[in-house]
Structures are given as structure tokens and as C-alpha cells.
Protein backbone atom coordinates (compact mmCIF):
# COMPACT_ATOMS: atom_id res chain seq x y z
CA MET A 1 14.99 20.36 14.10
CA ALA A 2 14.68 16.55 13.85
CA LYS A 3 11.01 16.88 12.90
CA ASP A 4 11.87 19.41 10.17
CA LYS A 5 14.49 17.02 8.77
CA GLY A 6 11.96 14.20 8.78
CA GLU A 7 9.42 16.32 6.90
CA ALA A 8 12.05 17.33 4.36
CA ALA A 9 13.01 13.70 3.82
CA ILE A 10 9.38 12.69 3.30
CA GLU A 11 8.86 15.54 0.83
CA ARG A 12 11.89 14.41 -1.21
CA LEU A 13 10.46 10.89 -1.32
CA GLN A 14 7.06 12.25 -2.36
CA ILE A 15 8.70 13.98 -5.33
CA ARG A 16 10.48 10.72 -6.10
CA MET A 17 7.12 8.94 -6.07
CA LEU A 18 5.76 11.51 -8.54
CA GLU A 19 8.72 10.82 -10.86
CA ILE A 20 8.03 7.09 -10.54
CA GLN A 21 4.35 7.58 -11.29
CA GLN A 22 5.16 9.59 -14.42
CA ALA A 23 7.62 6.91 -15.56
CA TYR A 24 5.00 4.19 -15.08
CA PHE A 25 2.49 6.25 -17.04
CA ARG A 26 4.94 6.71 -19.94
CA THR A 27 5.88 3.03 -20.08
CA GLY A 28 2.50 1.49 -19.25
CA GLN A 29 3.85 -0.31 -16.19
CA ARG A 30 1.59 -1.36 -13.33
CA ALA A 31 2.14 -1.43 -9.59
CA ILE A 32 0.27 -2.70 -6.54
CA ILE A 33 1.04 -1.59 -2.99
CA VAL A 34 -0.50 -3.67 -0.20
CA PHE A 35 -0.95 -2.29 3.33
CA GLU A 36 -1.69 -4.66 6.18
CA GLY A 37 -0.99 -4.26 9.86
CA THR A 38 -2.09 -3.95 13.44
CA ASP A 39 -5.24 -1.92 14.03
CA ALA A 40 -4.39 1.78 14.59
CA ALA A 41 -0.85 1.31 13.24
CA GLY A 42 -1.35 4.16 10.78
CA LYS A 43 -2.16 2.65 7.40
CA GLY A 44 -4.42 5.53 6.39
CA GLY A 45 -1.95 8.24 7.44
CA THR A 46 0.92 6.50 5.66
CA ILE A 47 -1.11 6.11 2.47
CA LYS A 48 -2.04 9.79 2.66
CA ARG A 49 1.61 10.85 2.88
CA LEU A 50 2.61 8.40 0.14
CA THR A 51 0.03 9.74 -2.33
CA GLU A 52 0.04 13.42 -1.34
CA LYS A 53 1.88 14.68 -4.44
CA LEU A 54 0.73 12.04 -6.93
CA ASP A 55 -1.59 12.73 -9.85
CA PRO A 56 -4.93 11.32 -8.61
CA ARG A 57 -5.78 10.20 -12.15
CA GLY A 58 -3.01 7.61 -12.03
CA VAL A 59 -3.43 6.13 -8.56
CA LYS A 60 -6.39 4.36 -6.96
CA VAL A 61 -6.71 3.61 -3.25
CA TRP A 62 -8.97 0.66 -2.45
CA PRO A 63 -10.18 0.57 1.20
CA ILE A 64 -11.09 -3.07 1.78
CA GLY A 65 -13.84 -4.03 4.21
CA PRO A 66 -16.21 -7.00 4.38
CA PRO A 67 -17.30 -8.32 0.96
CA GLY A 68 -20.45 -6.79 -0.49
CA ALA A 69 -23.63 -8.74 -1.20
CA HIS A 70 -22.67 -9.34 -4.84
CA GLU A 71 -19.22 -10.60 -3.75
CA GLN A 72 -20.37 -13.06 -1.12
CA GLY A 73 -20.52 -16.63 -2.34
CA ARG A 74 -17.76 -16.00 -4.89
CA HIS A 75 -14.11 -16.92 -4.47
CA TYR A 76 -12.55 -14.44 -2.03
CA LEU A 77 -9.99 -13.31 -4.64
CA TYR A 78 -12.72 -12.32 -7.10
CA ARG A 79 -13.13 -8.77 -5.79
CA PHE A 80 -9.38 -8.19 -6.03
CA TRP A 81 -9.13 -9.33 -9.64
CA THR A 82 -11.67 -6.62 -10.49
CA ARG A 83 -9.51 -3.95 -8.79
CA LEU A 84 -6.16 -4.67 -10.45
CA PRO A 85 -4.38 -1.61 -11.92
CA GLU A 86 -4.69 -0.62 -15.55
CA PRO A 87 -1.50 -0.02 -17.60
CA GLY A 88 0.34 3.08 -16.39
CA THR A 89 -1.37 3.17 -13.00
CA ILE A 90 -0.79 2.28 -9.35
CA ALA A 91 -3.32 0.48 -7.12
CA ILE A 92 -3.05 0.76 -3.34
CA PHE A 93 -4.90 -1.69 -1.12
CA ASP A 94 -5.74 -0.53 2.41
CA ARG A 95 -6.11 -4.12 3.66
CA SER A 96 -6.26 -6.85 1.08
CA TRP A 97 -6.71 -10.51 0.18
CA TYR A 98 -4.81 -11.29 3.37
CA GLY A 99 -8.06 -10.82 5.25
CA ARG A 100 -8.71 -14.51 4.58
CA VAL A 101 -5.76 -15.52 6.79
CA LEU A 102 -6.16 -12.69 9.32
CA VAL A 103 -9.61 -11.45 10.36
CA GLU A 104 -11.47 -14.38 8.77
CA ARG A 105 -9.17 -16.76 10.60
CA VAL A 106 -9.23 -15.03 13.99
CA ASP A 107 -12.97 -14.26 13.98
CA LYS A 108 -13.73 -17.76 12.63
CA LEU A 109 -15.46 -16.39 9.54
CA ALA A 110 -13.79 -19.07 7.39
CA PRO A 111 -13.25 -22.76 8.23
CA LYS A 112 -9.68 -23.72 9.10
CA LYS A 113 -9.31 -25.83 5.93
CA ASP A 114 -10.19 -22.74 3.83
CA TRP A 115 -7.79 -20.28 5.43
CA MET A 116 -5.04 -22.90 5.54
CA ARG A 117 -5.47 -23.45 1.80
CA ALA A 118 -5.38 -19.69 1.22
CA TYR A 119 -1.62 -19.35 1.84
CA ALA A 120 -0.85 -21.34 -1.33
CA GLU A 121 -3.64 -19.61 -3.27
CA ILE A 122 -2.32 -16.18 -2.33
CA ASN A 123 1.25 -17.08 -3.27
CA GLN A 124 0.03 -18.33 -6.64
CA PHE A 125 -2.09 -15.19 -7.16
CA GLU A 126 0.86 -12.92 -6.39
CA ARG A 127 3.18 -14.93 -8.60
CA LEU A 128 0.72 -14.61 -11.50
CA LEU A 129 0.72 -10.84 -11.00
CA THR A 130 4.49 -10.41 -10.79
CA GLU A 131 5.17 -12.75 -13.72
CA ASP A 132 2.73 -10.64 -15.74
CA GLY A 133 4.93 -7.62 -15.02
CA VAL A 134 3.11 -6.06 -12.05
CA ARG A 135 5.36 -4.51 -9.39
CA LEU A 136 4.06 -5.70 -6.01
CA VAL A 137 5.12 -4.11 -2.72
CA LYS A 138 3.71 -5.46 0.56
CA LEU A 139 3.98 -3.46 3.78
CA PHE A 140 3.09 -4.70 7.24
CA LEU A 141 2.72 -1.76 9.65
CA ASP A 142 3.09 -2.67 13.31
CA ILE A 143 2.72 -1.12 16.76
CA ASP A 144 2.86 -2.62 20.23
CA LYS A 145 -0.13 -3.30 22.48
CA LYS A 146 0.44 -0.28 24.73
CA GLU A 147 0.71 2.11 21.78
CA GLN A 148 -2.47 0.67 20.27
CA LEU A 149 -4.40 1.48 23.45
CA ARG A 150 -2.96 5.01 23.49
CA ARG A 151 -4.15 5.57 19.91
CA PHE A 152 -7.58 4.11 20.70
CA ARG A 153 -7.92 6.67 23.51
CA GLU A 154 -6.81 9.48 21.20
CA ARG A 155 -9.41 8.45 18.63
CA ALA A 156 -12.11 8.43 21.30
CA VAL A 157 -11.33 11.89 22.73
CA VAL A 158 -10.48 13.77 19.52
CA PRO A 159 -13.81 14.47 17.78
CA TYR A 160 -12.59 14.33 14.15
CA LYS A 161 -10.86 10.99 14.80
CA ARG A 162 -13.85 9.19 16.31
CA TRP A 163 -14.88 7.69 12.98
CA LYS A 164 -11.66 5.64 13.11
CA ILE A 165 -12.64 3.62 16.19
CA GLY A 166 -15.24 0.84 16.32
CA GLU A 167 -16.18 -2.39 18.02
CA SER A 168 -14.00 -4.38 15.60
CA ASP A 169 -10.94 -2.53 16.93
CA ILE A 170 -11.81 -3.51 20.50
CA ARG A 171 -12.33 -7.15 19.45
CA ALA A 172 -8.96 -7.15 17.70
CA HIS A 173 -7.24 -5.80 20.81
CA LEU A 174 -8.89 -8.44 22.99
CA ASN A 175 -7.72 -11.06 20.48
CA TRP A 176 -4.17 -9.67 20.45
CA ALA A 177 -2.42 -13.02 20.91
CA ALA A 178 -4.49 -14.70 18.19
CA TYR A 179 -3.69 -11.89 15.75
CA ARG A 180 0.03 -12.09 16.55
CA ARG A 181 -0.04 -15.79 15.63
CA ALA A 182 -1.96 -15.03 12.44
CA PHE A 183 0.49 -12.25 11.50
CA ALA A 184 3.49 -14.53 12.13
CA ASP A 185 1.99 -17.33 10.02
CA MET A 186 1.18 -14.87 7.21
CA MET A 187 4.75 -13.57 7.15
CA ARG A 188 6.20 -17.09 7.26
CA HIS A 189 4.01 -18.59 4.54
CA CYS A 190 3.63 -15.62 2.19
CA SER A 191 6.93 -13.73 2.17
CA THR A 192 8.32 -15.02 -1.11
CA ARG A 193 11.20 -14.08 -3.38
CA HIS A 194 8.89 -12.40 -5.88
CA ALA A 195 6.63 -10.80 -3.24
CA PRO A 196 8.39 -10.31 0.13
CA TRP A 197 6.84 -8.67 3.15
CA HIS A 198 8.38 -5.47 4.54
CA ALA A 199 7.70 -5.07 8.28
CA ILE A 200 7.60 -1.43 9.41
CA ASP A 201 7.61 -0.33 13.07
CA LEU A 202 5.09 2.54 13.41
CA ASN A 203 5.40 3.15 17.15
CA ASP A 204 7.22 6.30 16.00
CA LYS A 205 4.81 7.54 13.31
CA GLU A 206 7.16 9.89 11.51
CA ALA A 207 10.12 7.51 11.35
CA GLY A 208 7.84 4.65 10.34
CA ARG A 209 6.13 6.60 7.57
CA LEU A 210 9.49 7.71 6.23
CA ARG A 211 10.73 4.14 6.09
CA ALA A 212 7.49 2.88 4.51
CA ILE A 213 7.58 5.46 1.72
CA ARG A 214 11.28 4.80 1.16
CA VAL A 215 10.62 1.05 0.78
CA VAL A 216 7.87 1.73 -1.77
CA ALA A 217 9.93 4.24 -3.76
CA THR A 218 13.01 2.01 -3.80
CA SER A 219 11.02 -1.05 -4.88
CA LEU A 220 9.08 0.70 -7.63
CA ALA A 221 12.10 2.59 -9.00
CA SER A 222 14.29 -0.49 -9.38
CA HIS A 223 15.32 -1.02 -13.03
CA VAL A 224 12.97 1.76 -14.21
CA GLU A 225 14.12 4.71 -16.31
CA LEU A 226 12.91 7.75 -14.39
CA ARG A 227 14.44 10.45 -16.57
CA PRO A 228 11.78 12.08 -18.76
CA PRO A 229 12.27 11.65 -22.52
CA ALA A 230 13.63 14.48 -24.66
CA LEU A 231 11.17 16.60 -26.61
CA ASP A 232 10.37 15.33 -30.07
CA PRO A 233 12.56 17.40 -32.49
CA GLY A 234 9.57 18.38 -34.60
CA LEU A 235 7.58 19.46 -31.57
CA ARG A 236 10.60 21.37 -30.24
CA LYS A 237 10.83 23.41 -33.45
CA GLN A 238 7.13 24.23 -33.35
CA LEU A 239 7.32 25.31 -29.70
CA GLU A 240 10.42 27.43 -30.28
CA LYS A 241 8.68 29.18 -33.17
CA LEU A 242 5.53 29.69 -31.12
CA LEU A 243 7.43 30.98 -28.06
CA GLY A 244 10.06 32.93 -29.97
CA GLU A 245 12.95 31.44 -28.01
CA LYS A 246 15.35 28.49 -27.98
CA LEU A 247 14.42 25.80 -25.48
CA ALA A 248 17.02 24.15 -23.29
CA SER A 249 17.78 20.49 -24.03
């Protein structure tokens, strides 16, 4: 019964997200949703549920891995500037520019002076986006160490989930304490008034996904007219003549 209620609540939020997407399309507004979190916390599954009922023409999911050959040697924000949403669309980042202060910090892929400087650079980048009218929602999905190991085992023994597990996941688990410090510093330095972080506990997948989608829908719907516009009077007359009936207002 509880599971059925959870599914019903998620479906209502998915319809709400579709209404939001249509409103953004009509008004030309732009939105960015950032997903960061502990390995195996469920970013992919949450993104799937969030986008399930959306028009794929108006939403783009960017899975972010290591920079490509043409991106190396450029400023680390370069590849994100090229993926910003067009008017009327939503961009979702499965990992993001925060890699500079997370994996690049923990795995020592960037010198300390570079990742320390990145906190201010990221805040400035996000402020530029929000002051230009972009709605920015940042979600940090979290699980505990024991739950992470349980999900690693599940990914190893379930054949269609094996693609989700790799050596980088094992390294991250072994560096658990270093990642916790990096996460805490990220939240402290980069949760700002115009772009706050929303921490979501995903130890309970269903409850966590529900909360994550609710946070996104609430943030994107704020001060946005979601009601569809009335039919143009001239178009209404033409349709009524074509259909041979009066259309409801």
C-alpha cells in the first residue's frame, strides 16, 4: 500500500514536471538541474523518473565523464558553457563542473591551488547563469557506506546492472573519508542564496526519489505561470467550424 502511494505521488509530480516543461517552452525560459552525489546513490534512476513523462525534444541529459581530447588543456568550465540550455529547454547534468572540487581533488588530478580557486569560479559561473534568468537546481544525492557496498554487490551479481560498476567506484569507496571532506567543503563553499544545494538521502530509494523530484518541481514552478493560454479567438472559430461543434473555454 505504501509503495503504491509512493508511485502515485511520483506520477503526480511527473505530470507537474510536464506542465512546467510546457510553460518553459511557451515562455522561452531555461533551466539547469545538477546531480552530484555519492557513487551508487541513484543519480541515473532519479533522472530517469524525473524525465519519464517529459517531451524529449525539450530536455537534454548530459552524462559527464572525464574531459575529451579536444577539451583537455582548456578551462574546465569550457565544456559546460557549450552544453547550456537553449531558450525553452531544460538541461540536466549527471555530474557537473563540481568534478573539479570532488574527483579531481580526491584523485589529485588538479593541483590544490587550482581546486581551491574553483570554489569562487563556480560561484561566479552560477551567479552569471542565474542573473541571466536561468533556473538552477542543485541536488546532492547521498547514501551511507554500508548501503553503497550493498548496491555494489547488487550491481556485480545482477547481469544487466554490471555496466554500472567499475574500478573508479571501488577507488571512491576506499577514499570514503576524503570524499566526505570534499563533499562537506563543496556544500559549505558553494551553497549560495542564488544557487543552494539540496541534500537528498537516498538510502530509501523511493522516498529519496520522491523528495528529489518534488524539490525540482517546486523550484522550477516558483513564480511561473503554469496554466496554458486560452485559444486564439480566430483559431477557435476556425476549429469550431472545422469540427462542427462549440469548444469549451
